[in-house]
N, C-alpha and C. Protein backbone atom coordinates (compact mmCIF):
# COMPACT_ATOMS: atom_id res chain seq x y z
N MET A 1 13.87 37.91 37.04
CA MET A 1 14.23 38.68 35.87
C MET A 1 15.06 37.78 34.97
N LYS A 2 14.78 37.82 33.68
CA LYS A 2 15.53 37.04 32.71
C LYS A 2 16.48 37.97 31.98
N LEU A 3 17.70 37.49 31.77
CA LEU A 3 18.70 38.28 31.06
C LEU A 3 19.20 37.49 29.86
N VAL A 4 19.39 38.17 28.75
CA VAL A 4 20.05 37.55 27.62
C VAL A 4 21.54 37.83 27.77
N ASP A 5 22.35 37.15 27.00
CA ASP A 5 23.80 37.25 27.14
C ASP A 5 24.30 38.69 27.03
N SER A 6 23.75 39.45 26.10
CA SER A 6 24.21 40.82 25.94
C SER A 6 23.88 41.67 27.17
N GLU A 7 22.77 41.35 27.85
CA GLU A 7 22.41 42.06 29.07
C GLU A 7 23.34 41.68 30.22
N VAL A 8 23.75 40.42 30.28
CA VAL A 8 24.72 39.99 31.30
C VAL A 8 26.02 40.75 31.08
N LEU A 9 26.43 40.89 29.83
CA LEU A 9 27.65 41.64 29.51
C LEU A 9 27.51 43.08 29.96
N PHE A 10 26.38 43.70 29.66
CA PHE A 10 26.15 45.09 30.06
C PHE A 10 26.19 45.24 31.58
N VAL A 11 25.51 44.36 32.30
CA VAL A 11 25.47 44.43 33.76
C VAL A 11 26.88 44.28 34.32
N SER A 12 27.66 43.35 33.77
CA SER A 12 29.02 43.16 34.27
C SER A 12 29.86 44.41 34.03
N GLN A 13 29.64 45.09 32.89
CA GLN A 13 30.38 46.33 32.63
C GLN A 13 29.98 47.42 33.63
N VAL A 14 28.71 47.51 33.94
CA VAL A 14 28.25 48.50 34.92
C VAL A 14 28.87 48.22 36.28
N PHE A 15 28.84 46.95 36.72
CA PHE A 15 29.45 46.59 38.00
C PHE A 15 30.94 46.91 38.01
N PHE A 16 31.62 46.58 36.91
CA PHE A 16 33.06 46.82 36.82
C PHE A 16 33.36 48.31 36.93
N HIS A 17 32.63 49.14 36.19
CA HIS A 17 32.88 50.58 36.23
C HIS A 17 32.52 51.16 37.59
N PHE A 18 31.47 50.67 38.19
CA PHE A 18 31.10 51.14 39.52
C PHE A 18 32.18 50.79 40.52
N LYS A 19 32.69 49.58 40.43
CA LYS A 19 33.72 49.11 41.36
C LYS A 19 34.99 49.94 41.22
N ASN A 20 35.33 50.33 40.00
CA ASN A 20 36.58 51.04 39.75
C ASN A 20 36.43 52.55 39.61
N SER A 21 35.25 53.07 39.89
CA SER A 21 35.02 54.50 39.73
C SER A 21 35.78 55.30 40.79
N THR A 22 36.06 56.54 40.44
CA THR A 22 36.77 57.42 41.38
C THR A 22 35.86 57.88 42.49
N THR A 23 34.57 57.76 42.31
CA THR A 23 33.62 58.19 43.35
C THR A 23 33.27 57.04 44.28
N GLN A 24 34.02 55.97 44.19
CA GLN A 24 33.70 54.79 45.00
C GLN A 24 33.69 55.11 46.48
N HIS A 25 34.54 56.01 46.92
CA HIS A 25 34.61 56.31 48.35
C HIS A 25 33.31 56.96 48.86
N HIS A 26 32.47 57.47 47.94
CA HIS A 26 31.20 58.04 48.35
C HIS A 26 30.13 56.96 48.54
N TRP A 27 30.39 55.79 48.02
CA TRP A 27 29.41 54.71 48.09
C TRP A 27 29.97 53.57 48.92
N ASP A 28 29.12 52.89 49.57
CA ASP A 28 29.51 51.73 50.35
C ASP A 28 29.45 50.52 49.43
N TYR A 29 30.61 50.18 48.80
CA TYR A 29 30.64 49.09 47.83
C TYR A 29 30.42 47.77 48.56
N ASP A 30 29.31 47.15 48.29
CA ASP A 30 28.88 45.95 48.98
C ASP A 30 29.57 44.72 48.40
N GLU A 31 29.90 43.76 49.26
CA GLU A 31 30.54 42.52 48.81
C GLU A 31 29.63 41.73 47.87
N SER A 32 28.31 41.87 48.04
CA SER A 32 27.39 41.14 47.16
C SER A 32 27.50 41.64 45.72
N LEU A 33 27.78 42.95 45.52
CA LEU A 33 28.00 43.45 44.17
C LEU A 33 29.26 42.85 43.57
N ASN A 34 30.28 42.69 44.39
CA ASN A 34 31.51 42.06 43.92
C ASN A 34 31.23 40.61 43.51
N ASN A 35 30.41 39.92 44.29
CA ASN A 35 30.04 38.54 43.94
C ASN A 35 29.25 38.48 42.64
N LEU A 36 28.33 39.45 42.44
CA LEU A 36 27.57 39.50 41.19
C LEU A 36 28.49 39.75 39.99
N LEU A 37 29.46 40.63 40.16
CA LEU A 37 30.42 40.89 39.08
C LEU A 37 31.18 39.62 38.74
N LYS A 38 31.64 38.88 39.75
CA LYS A 38 32.37 37.63 39.50
C LYS A 38 31.47 36.61 38.81
N LYS A 39 30.20 36.56 39.22
CA LYS A 39 29.26 35.62 38.60
C LYS A 39 29.04 35.96 37.12
N CYS A 40 28.86 37.25 36.83
CA CYS A 40 28.70 37.70 35.44
C CYS A 40 29.93 37.35 34.61
N GLU A 41 31.10 37.65 35.15
CA GLU A 41 32.34 37.39 34.42
C GLU A 41 32.54 35.90 34.18
N SER A 42 32.28 35.07 35.19
CA SER A 42 32.46 33.62 35.00
C SER A 42 31.46 33.07 33.99
N TYR A 43 30.23 33.60 34.00
CA TYR A 43 29.25 33.17 33.02
C TYR A 43 29.71 33.52 31.61
N LEU A 44 30.19 34.76 31.43
CA LEU A 44 30.62 35.21 30.10
C LEU A 44 31.84 34.44 29.62
N VAL A 45 32.77 34.13 30.54
CA VAL A 45 33.96 33.35 30.16
C VAL A 45 33.54 31.95 29.73
N SER A 46 32.64 31.31 30.49
CA SER A 46 32.19 29.96 30.12
C SER A 46 31.43 29.99 28.80
N LYS A 47 30.65 31.04 28.57
CA LYS A 47 29.89 31.17 27.32
C LYS A 47 30.85 31.33 26.14
N GLU A 48 31.91 32.13 26.33
CA GLU A 48 32.89 32.37 25.28
C GLU A 48 33.65 31.07 24.95
N GLU A 49 33.91 30.25 25.97
CA GLU A 49 34.62 28.99 25.74
C GLU A 49 33.77 28.00 24.95
N THR A 50 32.47 27.98 25.19
CA THR A 50 31.59 27.03 24.50
C THR A 50 31.12 27.55 23.15
N ASN A 51 31.13 28.87 22.95
CA ASN A 51 30.64 29.48 21.72
C ASN A 51 31.53 30.66 21.35
N PRO A 52 32.77 30.43 20.93
CA PRO A 52 33.72 31.52 20.74
C PRO A 52 33.23 32.58 19.75
N GLY A 53 33.46 33.83 20.15
CA GLY A 53 33.19 34.95 19.26
C GLY A 53 31.76 35.43 19.20
N VAL A 54 30.82 34.72 19.83
CA VAL A 54 29.42 35.10 19.70
C VAL A 54 28.75 35.08 21.07
N LEU A 55 28.07 36.16 21.39
CA LEU A 55 27.19 36.16 22.55
C LEU A 55 25.78 36.10 22.01
N ALA A 56 25.12 34.98 22.21
CA ALA A 56 23.79 34.75 21.63
C ALA A 56 22.76 35.65 22.30
N SER A 57 21.62 35.79 21.66
CA SER A 57 20.54 36.58 22.25
C SER A 57 19.50 35.69 22.92
N SER A 58 19.85 34.43 23.17
CA SER A 58 18.92 33.55 23.88
C SER A 58 19.05 33.79 25.37
N PRO A 59 18.07 33.36 26.16
CA PRO A 59 18.16 33.57 27.61
C PRO A 59 19.41 32.91 28.17
N CYS A 60 20.05 33.55 29.13
CA CYS A 60 21.31 33.04 29.66
C CYS A 60 21.06 31.82 30.55
N ALA A 61 22.14 31.14 30.90
CA ALA A 61 22.06 29.89 31.65
C ALA A 61 21.45 30.07 33.03
N TRP A 62 21.53 31.26 33.60
CA TRP A 62 20.94 31.49 34.91
C TRP A 62 19.45 31.21 34.88
N HIS A 63 18.81 31.38 33.73
CA HIS A 63 17.36 31.31 33.65
C HIS A 63 16.85 30.15 32.80
N GLN A 64 17.74 29.30 32.33
CA GLN A 64 17.30 28.21 31.47
C GLN A 64 16.50 27.16 32.22
N GLU A 65 16.62 27.09 33.55
CA GLU A 65 15.86 26.12 34.31
C GLU A 65 14.38 26.47 34.36
N SER A 66 14.04 27.71 34.09
CA SER A 66 12.66 28.15 34.11
C SER A 66 11.94 27.63 32.87
N GLU A 67 10.70 27.24 33.04
CA GLU A 67 9.90 26.74 31.93
C GLU A 67 9.09 27.84 31.26
N GLU A 68 9.27 29.10 31.71
CA GLU A 68 8.50 30.20 31.14
C GLU A 68 8.92 30.47 29.71
N GLN A 69 8.06 31.13 28.99
CA GLN A 69 8.31 31.49 27.61
C GLN A 69 9.36 32.59 27.57
N PRO A 70 10.43 32.46 26.76
CA PRO A 70 11.44 33.51 26.68
C PRO A 70 10.83 34.82 26.17
N ASP A 71 11.44 35.95 26.61
CA ASP A 71 10.96 37.27 26.23
C ASP A 71 10.94 37.44 24.71
N ASP A 72 11.93 36.87 24.01
CA ASP A 72 11.99 37.02 22.56
C ASP A 72 10.75 36.41 21.90
N GLU A 73 10.24 35.30 22.42
CA GLU A 73 9.07 34.66 21.83
C GLU A 73 7.82 35.50 22.05
N LYS A 74 7.73 36.17 23.20
CA LYS A 74 6.57 37.01 23.46
C LYS A 74 6.46 38.11 22.42
N LEU A 75 7.60 38.62 21.98
CA LEU A 75 7.58 39.71 21.02
C LEU A 75 7.14 39.24 19.64
N GLU A 76 7.25 37.96 19.36
CA GLU A 76 6.89 37.44 18.05
C GLU A 76 5.40 37.11 17.94
N GLU A 77 4.68 37.05 19.05
CA GLU A 77 3.26 36.73 19.00
C GLU A 77 2.49 37.86 18.32
N PRO A 78 1.39 37.53 17.68
CA PRO A 78 0.57 38.60 17.11
C PRO A 78 0.05 39.50 18.22
N GLN A 79 -0.03 40.78 17.93
CA GLN A 79 -0.47 41.73 18.93
C GLN A 79 -1.73 42.44 18.49
N GLU A 80 -2.59 42.68 19.45
CA GLU A 80 -3.74 43.53 19.22
C GLU A 80 -3.44 44.84 19.93
N GLU A 81 -4.03 45.91 19.43
CA GLU A 81 -3.78 47.21 20.02
C GLU A 81 -4.97 47.63 20.88
N ILE A 82 -4.66 48.22 22.02
CA ILE A 82 -5.68 48.78 22.91
C ILE A 82 -5.22 50.18 23.28
N LYS A 83 -6.17 51.10 23.25
CA LYS A 83 -5.88 52.49 23.60
C LYS A 83 -5.52 52.61 25.08
N LEU A 84 -4.56 53.46 25.36
CA LEU A 84 -4.10 53.73 26.71
C LEU A 84 -5.27 54.12 27.62
N ARG A 85 -6.20 54.91 27.13
CA ARG A 85 -7.35 55.38 27.91
C ARG A 85 -8.20 54.23 28.45
N SER A 86 -8.25 53.11 27.72
CA SER A 86 -9.03 51.96 28.16
C SER A 86 -8.52 51.39 29.48
N PHE A 87 -7.21 51.44 29.69
CA PHE A 87 -6.63 50.91 30.92
C PHE A 87 -6.87 51.85 32.11
N LEU A 88 -6.99 53.14 31.83
CA LEU A 88 -7.20 54.12 32.90
C LEU A 88 -8.58 53.96 33.53
N ASN A 89 -9.53 53.36 32.79
CA ASN A 89 -10.89 53.19 33.29
C ASN A 89 -11.09 51.89 34.07
N LEU A 90 -10.08 51.03 34.13
CA LEU A 90 -10.21 49.75 34.84
C LEU A 90 -10.18 49.98 36.35
N GLU A 91 -10.95 49.17 37.08
CA GLU A 91 -10.91 49.25 38.54
C GLU A 91 -9.60 48.64 39.04
N SER A 92 -9.26 48.91 40.30
CA SER A 92 -8.02 48.37 40.86
C SER A 92 -8.08 46.84 40.87
N LEU A 93 -6.91 46.23 40.82
CA LEU A 93 -6.80 44.77 40.73
C LEU A 93 -5.96 44.27 41.89
N LYS A 94 -6.44 43.23 42.60
CA LYS A 94 -5.68 42.61 43.68
C LYS A 94 -4.69 41.63 43.08
N VAL A 95 -3.40 41.85 43.39
CA VAL A 95 -2.33 41.01 42.84
C VAL A 95 -1.37 40.59 43.95
N SER A 96 -0.61 39.54 43.67
CA SER A 96 0.52 39.15 44.51
C SER A 96 1.77 39.55 43.74
N TYR A 97 2.61 40.34 44.41
CA TYR A 97 3.82 40.84 43.76
C TYR A 97 4.90 41.01 44.81
N ASP A 98 6.07 40.52 44.53
CA ASP A 98 7.20 40.62 45.46
C ASP A 98 6.87 40.03 46.83
N GLY A 99 6.11 38.95 46.85
CA GLY A 99 5.79 38.27 48.08
C GLY A 99 4.72 38.91 48.94
N SER A 100 4.07 39.95 48.43
CA SER A 100 3.00 40.57 49.21
C SER A 100 1.78 40.81 48.33
N LYS A 101 0.64 40.91 48.98
CA LYS A 101 -0.60 41.17 48.26
C LYS A 101 -0.83 42.68 48.22
N ARG A 102 -1.12 43.18 47.03
CA ARG A 102 -1.32 44.61 46.83
C ARG A 102 -2.46 44.84 45.86
N LYS A 103 -2.92 46.08 45.80
CA LYS A 103 -3.84 46.49 44.76
C LYS A 103 -3.07 47.36 43.79
N MET A 104 -3.32 47.14 42.52
CA MET A 104 -2.65 47.94 41.50
C MET A 104 -3.68 48.65 40.65
N VAL A 105 -3.26 49.76 40.08
CA VAL A 105 -4.14 50.54 39.21
C VAL A 105 -3.27 51.19 38.14
N PHE A 106 -3.82 51.29 36.93
CA PHE A 106 -3.11 51.97 35.86
C PHE A 106 -3.36 53.47 35.97
N GLU A 107 -2.35 54.25 35.60
CA GLU A 107 -2.49 55.70 35.59
C GLU A 107 -1.67 56.28 34.44
N GLU A 108 -2.02 57.50 34.08
CA GLU A 108 -1.30 58.19 33.02
C GLU A 108 0.09 58.55 33.52
N GLY A 109 1.10 58.38 32.66
CA GLY A 109 2.47 58.70 33.03
C GLY A 109 2.73 60.19 32.98
N ILE A 110 4.01 60.56 32.94
CA ILE A 110 4.36 61.98 32.94
C ILE A 110 3.94 62.67 31.65
N SER A 111 3.67 61.88 30.64
CA SER A 111 3.10 62.43 29.41
C SER A 111 1.82 61.66 29.11
N SER A 112 0.97 62.27 28.33
CA SER A 112 -0.31 61.61 28.01
C SER A 112 -0.12 60.41 27.08
N LYS A 113 1.10 60.17 26.63
CA LYS A 113 1.39 59.04 25.75
C LYS A 113 1.98 57.85 26.50
N MET A 114 2.04 57.94 27.83
CA MET A 114 2.65 56.88 28.64
C MET A 114 1.64 56.30 29.62
N LEU A 115 1.73 54.99 29.81
CA LEU A 115 0.89 54.28 30.78
C LEU A 115 1.79 53.77 31.89
N ASP A 116 1.44 54.08 33.14
CA ASP A 116 2.17 53.61 34.30
C ASP A 116 1.26 52.73 35.14
N LEU A 117 1.88 51.98 36.04
CA LEU A 117 1.15 51.11 36.96
C LEU A 117 1.58 51.49 38.36
N ASN A 118 0.63 51.74 39.23
CA ASN A 118 0.93 52.15 40.59
C ASN A 118 0.27 51.18 41.58
N PHE A 119 0.88 51.03 42.75
CA PHE A 119 0.32 50.20 43.80
C PHE A 119 -0.37 51.07 44.82
N ASP A 120 -1.37 50.51 45.50
CA ASP A 120 -2.17 51.28 46.45
C ASP A 120 -1.34 51.84 47.60
N ASP A 121 -0.23 51.18 47.94
CA ASP A 121 0.59 51.71 49.02
C ASP A 121 1.52 52.83 48.55
N GLY A 122 1.51 53.12 47.24
CA GLY A 122 2.35 54.19 46.70
C GLY A 122 3.83 53.84 46.72
N ASP A 123 4.13 52.59 47.02
CA ASP A 123 5.52 52.17 47.20
C ASP A 123 6.30 52.10 45.90
N GLU A 124 5.67 51.72 44.82
CA GLU A 124 6.41 51.49 43.59
C GLU A 124 5.54 51.82 42.38
N ILE A 125 6.18 52.34 41.36
CA ILE A 125 5.49 52.63 40.11
C ILE A 125 6.27 51.95 38.99
N LEU A 126 5.58 51.22 38.14
CA LEU A 126 6.19 50.66 36.94
C LEU A 126 5.84 51.58 35.79
N CYS A 127 6.83 52.11 35.12
CA CYS A 127 6.63 53.15 34.12
C CYS A 127 6.67 52.61 32.69
N ASP A 128 6.05 53.36 31.81
CA ASP A 128 6.11 53.15 30.36
C ASP A 128 5.69 51.73 29.95
N ILE A 129 4.50 51.35 30.30
CA ILE A 129 3.99 50.03 29.94
C ILE A 129 3.64 50.05 28.46
N THR A 130 4.22 49.10 27.72
CA THR A 130 4.01 49.05 26.27
C THR A 130 3.20 47.84 25.84
N GLU A 131 3.23 46.76 26.64
CA GLU A 131 2.52 45.53 26.28
C GLU A 131 1.93 44.89 27.53
N ILE A 132 0.80 44.22 27.35
CA ILE A 132 0.11 43.56 28.46
C ILE A 132 -0.46 42.23 27.97
N GLU A 133 -0.35 41.22 28.83
CA GLU A 133 -0.92 39.91 28.51
C GLU A 133 -1.60 39.37 29.76
N ARG A 134 -2.80 38.77 29.56
CA ARG A 134 -3.55 38.19 30.68
C ARG A 134 -3.71 36.70 30.47
N THR A 135 -3.48 35.94 31.53
CA THR A 135 -3.82 34.52 31.54
C THR A 135 -4.88 34.33 32.62
N GLU A 136 -5.27 33.10 32.89
CA GLU A 136 -6.33 32.86 33.87
C GLU A 136 -5.95 33.35 35.26
N LYS A 137 -4.71 33.20 35.66
CA LYS A 137 -4.30 33.54 37.02
C LYS A 137 -3.10 34.49 37.07
N ALA A 138 -2.83 35.20 35.98
CA ALA A 138 -1.67 36.09 35.97
C ALA A 138 -1.86 37.25 35.00
N LEU A 139 -1.13 38.31 35.26
CA LEU A 139 -1.06 39.47 34.38
C LEU A 139 0.42 39.76 34.17
N THR A 140 0.83 39.91 32.92
CA THR A 140 2.22 40.20 32.60
C THR A 140 2.27 41.52 31.85
N VAL A 141 3.17 42.41 32.28
CA VAL A 141 3.31 43.71 31.62
C VAL A 141 4.76 43.88 31.18
N ASN A 142 4.94 44.53 30.05
CA ASN A 142 6.26 44.90 29.57
C ASN A 142 6.40 46.40 29.79
N CYS A 143 7.35 46.78 30.64
CA CYS A 143 7.53 48.18 31.00
C CYS A 143 9.01 48.53 30.96
N ALA A 144 9.36 49.69 31.45
CA ALA A 144 10.76 50.13 31.47
C ALA A 144 11.64 49.16 32.25
N GLU A 145 11.08 48.42 33.19
CA GLU A 145 11.82 47.44 33.99
C GLU A 145 11.99 46.11 33.26
N GLY A 146 11.29 45.91 32.15
CA GLY A 146 11.26 44.63 31.45
C GLY A 146 9.92 43.96 31.70
N TRP A 147 9.87 42.64 31.49
CA TRP A 147 8.63 41.89 31.70
C TRP A 147 8.44 41.65 33.19
N VAL A 148 7.26 42.01 33.71
CA VAL A 148 6.94 41.83 35.13
C VAL A 148 5.65 41.01 35.22
N ASP A 149 5.66 39.97 36.06
CA ASP A 149 4.51 39.09 36.22
C ASP A 149 3.82 39.35 37.56
N PHE A 150 2.49 39.31 37.55
CA PHE A 150 1.68 39.46 38.75
C PHE A 150 0.76 38.26 38.84
N ASP A 151 0.66 37.65 40.02
CA ASP A 151 -0.30 36.59 40.26
C ASP A 151 -1.62 37.23 40.63
N VAL A 152 -2.71 36.69 40.06
CA VAL A 152 -4.05 37.25 40.28
C VAL A 152 -4.99 36.10 40.64
N GLN A 153 -5.74 36.27 41.72
CA GLN A 153 -6.73 35.26 42.09
C GLN A 153 -7.94 35.31 41.17
N LYS A 154 -8.46 36.54 40.96
CA LYS A 154 -9.65 36.69 40.14
C LYS A 154 -9.63 38.07 39.48
N PHE A 155 -9.92 38.08 38.18
CA PHE A 155 -10.00 39.33 37.45
C PHE A 155 -11.43 39.88 37.53
N PRO A 156 -11.59 41.18 37.81
CA PRO A 156 -12.92 41.80 37.77
C PRO A 156 -13.48 41.74 36.34
N LYS A 157 -14.77 41.90 36.23
CA LYS A 157 -15.46 41.78 34.94
C LYS A 157 -14.93 42.76 33.90
N ASP A 158 -14.65 44.01 34.31
CA ASP A 158 -14.16 44.98 33.32
C ASP A 158 -12.80 44.58 32.75
N TRP A 159 -11.99 43.86 33.54
CA TRP A 159 -10.70 43.36 33.05
C TRP A 159 -10.91 42.25 32.02
N THR A 160 -11.81 41.31 32.33
CA THR A 160 -12.03 40.19 31.41
C THR A 160 -12.71 40.64 30.13
N THR A 161 -13.49 41.71 30.21
CA THR A 161 -14.13 42.26 29.02
C THR A 161 -13.09 42.91 28.10
N LEU A 162 -12.14 43.62 28.71
CA LEU A 162 -11.12 44.34 27.93
C LEU A 162 -10.03 43.42 27.40
N LEU A 163 -9.56 42.48 28.22
CA LEU A 163 -8.40 41.65 27.88
C LEU A 163 -8.78 40.19 27.72
N SER A 164 -8.62 39.66 26.54
CA SER A 164 -8.86 38.23 26.30
C SER A 164 -7.69 37.43 26.85
N LEU A 165 -7.93 36.15 27.10
CA LEU A 165 -6.88 35.27 27.59
C LEU A 165 -5.80 35.05 26.53
N ARG A 166 -4.58 35.01 26.98
CA ARG A 166 -3.41 34.67 26.17
C ARG A 166 -3.28 35.49 24.88
N THR A 167 -3.62 36.74 24.95
CA THR A 167 -3.44 37.64 23.83
C THR A 167 -2.50 38.75 24.27
N LEU A 168 -1.49 39.00 23.47
CA LEU A 168 -0.53 40.06 23.78
C LEU A 168 -1.07 41.36 23.20
N TYR A 169 -1.29 42.33 24.07
CA TYR A 169 -1.85 43.62 23.66
C TYR A 169 -0.76 44.68 23.65
N LYS A 170 -0.76 45.48 22.62
CA LYS A 170 0.14 46.63 22.52
C LYS A 170 -0.64 47.87 22.95
N VAL A 171 -0.06 48.64 23.88
CA VAL A 171 -0.70 49.85 24.37
C VAL A 171 -0.42 50.98 23.38
N THR A 172 -1.49 51.61 22.88
CA THR A 172 -1.33 52.71 21.92
C THR A 172 -2.00 53.96 22.47
N VAL A 173 -1.67 55.09 21.85
CA VAL A 173 -2.22 56.37 22.31
C VAL A 173 -3.60 56.59 21.79
């Protein structure tokens, strides 16, 4: 997951409030959350020292080692629109995600204006997909969770017919 500086600030605020909440005794506050809070705070302090008064919207230092295209650049690419119904007719796709191989399928969300992605094991649903991009060996979706990448060995014919390579598609109703 890539975070911009403002998102690091938000996450650190959430951790801080969770740590200091009055309901803390109901939750088992994990030491790893405390470590994440310290990491966020140290990152923000170092950022403030090098760039006083401004938290940039560029990807934070945690993710600068990655050669992937920043999320902000993806939004600037020209987009083509594809109707939500077109994705519902696609056959399931074999993907690698979170270290395991799964089949995924698109489905209608809680409203007819939303596109969701579900896995064959029913373990996880990615909601509110707004953008999709296909490369030769990957599928990237922008959903409520942010940008999520899936490794794909081979796309079925109906997928390649619907989605051209390296084109960012906006899902419309």
